[in-house]
Amino acid sequence: MPTRSLFAPSAVPDPANAVRACFLNVKDAAAYLGISPHTLYVWRHRRQGPPSFRMGPRGRVMYRRTALDAWIHEQERADSRSNSALNPLSAPPQRRRNPAA
């Protein structure tokens, strides 16, 4: 009886695909975020934007997909349109202090 693989031919794990699923280069990260790669380079230079790091002997700039998702979530929480607690219209009105008092 011939031995069969436990994985279907298309379900065999490919290490290269696994790395691509976890780590994105600048071009892929920019596409994932819907921005230009140049914007990511500028943000990296200014130490802004999502966290990135250099990987491999050539020192390519890479982004973890989980870090991109966390950064997006952080941006959503910091926006007053997404976070009602930050909306100035939700705050109680402030009263002026009496300068004579």
C-alpha atoms as a PDB file:
ATOM      1  CA  MET A   1       0.000   0.000   0.000  1.00  0.00           C
ATOM      2  CA  PRO A   2       1.502   3.398  -0.960  1.00  0.00           C
ATOM      3  CA  THR A   3       2.050   5.907   1.800  1.00  0.00           C
ATOM      4  CA  ARG A   4       0.136   9.142   1.601  1.00  0.00           C
ATOM      5  CA  SER A   5       1.113  12.493   2.947  1.00  0.00           C
ATOM      6  CA  LEU A   6      -0.986  13.902   5.755  1.00  0.00           C
ATOM      7  CA  PHE A   7      -1.153  17.179   3.858  1.00  0.00           C
ATOM      8  CA  ALA A   8      -2.979  17.767   0.610  1.00  0.00           C
ATOM      9  CA  PRO A   9      -0.525  18.825  -2.124  1.00  0.00           C
ATOM     10  CA  SER A  10      -1.609  22.460  -1.873  1.00  0.00           C
ATOM     11  CA  ALA A  11      -1.624  22.404   1.946  1.00  0.00           C
ATOM     12  CA  VAL A  12       2.042  21.448   2.363  1.00  0.00           C
ATOM     13  CA  PRO A  13       3.559  24.213   4.481  1.00  0.00           C
ATOM     14  CA  ASP A  14       6.070  26.303   2.559  1.00  0.00           C
ATOM     15  CA  PRO A  15       8.595  28.121   4.761  1.00  0.00           C
ATOM     16  CA  ALA A  16       8.913  30.966   2.260  1.00  0.00           C
ATOM     17  CA  ASN A  17       5.142  31.557   2.324  1.00  0.00           C
ATOM     18  CA  ALA A  18       5.137  31.419   6.117  1.00  0.00           C
ATOM     19  CA  VAL A  19       7.789  34.143   6.269  1.00  0.00           C
ATOM     20  CA  ARG A  20       5.861  36.254   3.743  1.00  0.00           C
ATOM     21  CA  ALA A  21       2.732  35.848   5.859  1.00  0.00           C
ATOM     22  CA  CYS A  22       4.478  37.086   9.029  1.00  0.00           C
ATOM     23  CA  PHE A  23       6.946  39.634   7.656  1.00  0.00           C
ATOM     24  CA  LEU A  24       6.369  42.239   4.969  1.00  0.00           C
ATOM     25  CA  ASN A  25       8.948  44.260   3.072  1.00  0.00           C
ATOM     26  CA  VAL A  26       8.409  47.985   2.517  1.00  0.00           C
ATOM     27  CA  LYS A  27       6.510  47.522  -0.737  1.00  0.00           C
ATOM     28  CA  ASP A  28       4.155  44.893   0.701  1.00  0.00           C
ATOM     29  CA  ALA A  29       3.667  46.781   3.977  1.00  0.00           C
ATOM     30  CA  ALA A  30       2.791  49.926   2.043  1.00  0.00           C
ATOM     31  CA  ALA A  31       0.250  47.994  -0.018  1.00  0.00           C
ATOM     32  CA  TYR A  32      -1.153  46.451   3.182  1.00  0.00           C
ATOM     33  CA  LEU A  33      -1.588  49.923   4.716  1.00  0.00           C
ATOM     34  CA  GLY A  34      -2.802  51.523   1.492  1.00  0.00           C
ATOM     35  CA  ILE A  35      -0.017  54.113   1.361  1.00  0.00           C
ATOM     36  CA  SER A  36       3.056  54.638  -0.793  1.00  0.00           C
ATOM     37  CA  PRO A  37       6.397  52.994   0.014  1.00  0.00           C
ATOM     38  CA  HIS A  38       7.949  56.473   0.032  1.00  0.00           C
ATOM     39  CA  THR A  39       5.669  57.424   2.944  1.00  0.00           C
ATOM     40  CA  LEU A  40       6.945  54.441   4.933  1.00  0.00           C
ATOM     41  CA  TYR A  41      10.551  55.431   4.213  1.00  0.00           C
ATOM     42  CA  VAL A  42       9.859  59.008   5.351  1.00  0.00           C
ATOM     43  CA  TRP A  43       8.118  57.805   8.517  1.00  0.00           C
ATOM     44  CA  ARG A  44      11.014  55.460   9.278  1.00  0.00           C
ATOM     45  CA  HIS A  45      13.520  58.279   8.786  1.00  0.00           C
ATOM     46  CA  ARG A  46      11.488  60.504  11.154  1.00  0.00           C
ATOM     47  CA  ARG A  47      11.016  57.607  13.618  1.00  0.00           C
ATOM     48  CA  GLN A  48       7.255  57.734  13.098  1.00  0.00           C
ATOM     49  CA  GLY A  49       4.756  55.207  11.818  1.00  0.00           C
ATOM     50  CA  PRO A  50       4.666  51.481  12.438  1.00  0.00           C
ATOM     51  CA  PRO A  51       7.692  49.758  13.988  1.00  0.00           C
ATOM     52  CA  SER A  52      10.172  48.303  11.525  1.00  0.00           C
ATOM     53  CA  PHE A  53      13.514  46.534  11.677  1.00  0.00           C
ATOM     54  CA  ARG A  54      16.323  45.311   9.420  1.00  0.00           C
ATOM     55  CA  MET A  55      16.479  41.607   8.647  1.00  0.00           C
ATOM     56  CA  GLY A  56      18.955  39.407   6.827  1.00  0.00           C
ATOM     57  CA  PRO A  57      22.477  39.880   5.537  1.00  0.00           C
ATOM     58  CA  ARG A  58      21.418  42.687   3.195  1.00  0.00           C
ATOM     59  CA  GLY A  59      19.626  44.518   6.004  1.00  0.00           C
ATOM     60  CA  ARG A  60      16.258  44.815   4.303  1.00  0.00           C
ATOM     61  CA  VAL A  61      13.653  46.876   6.119  1.00  0.00           C
ATOM     62  CA  MET A  62      10.839  44.612   7.268  1.00  0.00           C
ATOM     63  CA  TYR A  63       7.545  44.947   9.136  1.00  0.00           C
ATOM     64  CA  ARG A  64       5.741  42.349  11.215  1.00  0.00           C
ATOM     65  CA  ARG A  65       2.133  41.985  10.109  1.00  0.00           C
ATOM     66  CA  THR A  66       1.040  41.826  13.770  1.00  0.00           C
ATOM     67  CA  ALA A  67       2.909  45.095  14.475  1.00  0.00           C
ATOM     68  CA  LEU A  68       1.147  46.755  11.537  1.00  0.00           C
ATOM     69  CA  ASP A  69      -2.230  45.597  12.843  1.00  0.00           C
ATOM     70  CA  ALA A  70      -1.391  46.849  16.349  1.00  0.00           C
ATOM     71  CA  TRP A  71      -0.244  50.205  14.932  1.00  0.00           C
ATOM     72  CA  ILE A  72      -3.481  50.548  12.941  1.00  0.00           C
ATOM     73  CA  HIS A  73      -5.496  49.783  16.087  1.00  0.00           C
ATOM     74  CA  GLU A  74      -3.472  52.388  18.008  1.00  0.00           C
ATOM     75  CA  GLN A  75      -4.215  54.975  15.315  1.00  0.00           C
ATOM     76  CA  GLU A  76      -7.920  54.192  15.542  1.00  0.00           C
ATOM     77  CA  ARG A  77      -7.908  54.676  19.322  1.00  0.00           C
ATOM     78  CA  ALA A  78      -6.076  58.010  18.977  1.00  0.00           C
ATOM     79  CA  ASP A  79      -8.621  59.411  16.496  1.00  0.00           C
ATOM     80  CA  SER A  80     -11.543  61.327  17.973  1.00  0.00           C
ATOM     81  CA  ARG A  81     -13.821  60.154  15.153  1.00  0.00           C
ATOM     82  CA  SER A  82     -13.247  56.500  16.074  1.00  0.00           C
ATOM     83  CA  ASN A  83     -12.978  56.961  19.834  1.00  0.00           C
ATOM     84  CA  SER A  84     -15.970  58.757  21.330  1.00  0.00           C
ATOM     85  CA  ALA A  85     -14.052  59.366  24.578  1.00  0.00           C
ATOM     86  CA  LEU A  86     -11.754  61.721  22.658  1.00  0.00           C
ATOM     87  CA  ASN A  87     -14.549  63.524  20.829  1.00  0.00           C
ATOM     88  CA  PRO A  88     -14.682  67.117  22.113  1.00  0.00           C
ATOM     89  CA  LEU A  89     -18.456  67.150  21.642  1.00  0.00           C
ATOM     90  CA  SER A  90     -18.768  64.348  24.209  1.00  0.00           C
ATOM     91  CA  ALA A  91     -16.997  66.350  26.918  1.00  0.00           C
ATOM     92  CA  PRO A  92     -19.054  68.356  29.407  1.00  0.00           C
ATOM     93  CA  PRO A  93     -18.972  72.104  28.817  1.00  0.00           C
ATOM     94  CA  GLN A  94     -16.278  73.997  30.678  1.00  0.00           C
ATOM     95  CA  ARG A  95     -17.006  77.184  32.594  1.00  0.00           C
ATOM     96  CA  ARG A  96     -14.730  80.148  32.767  1.00  0.00           C
ATOM     97  CA  ARG A  97     -13.247  81.035  36.092  1.00  0.00           C
ATOM     98  CA  ASN A  98     -14.111  84.356  37.579  1.00  0.00           C
ATOM     99  CA  PRO A  99     -10.880  86.420  37.335  1.00  0.00           C
ATOM    100  CA  ALA A 100     -11.993  88.671  40.241  1.00  0.00           C
ATOM    101  CA  ALA A 101     -12.256  85.771  42.668  1.00  0.00           C
END
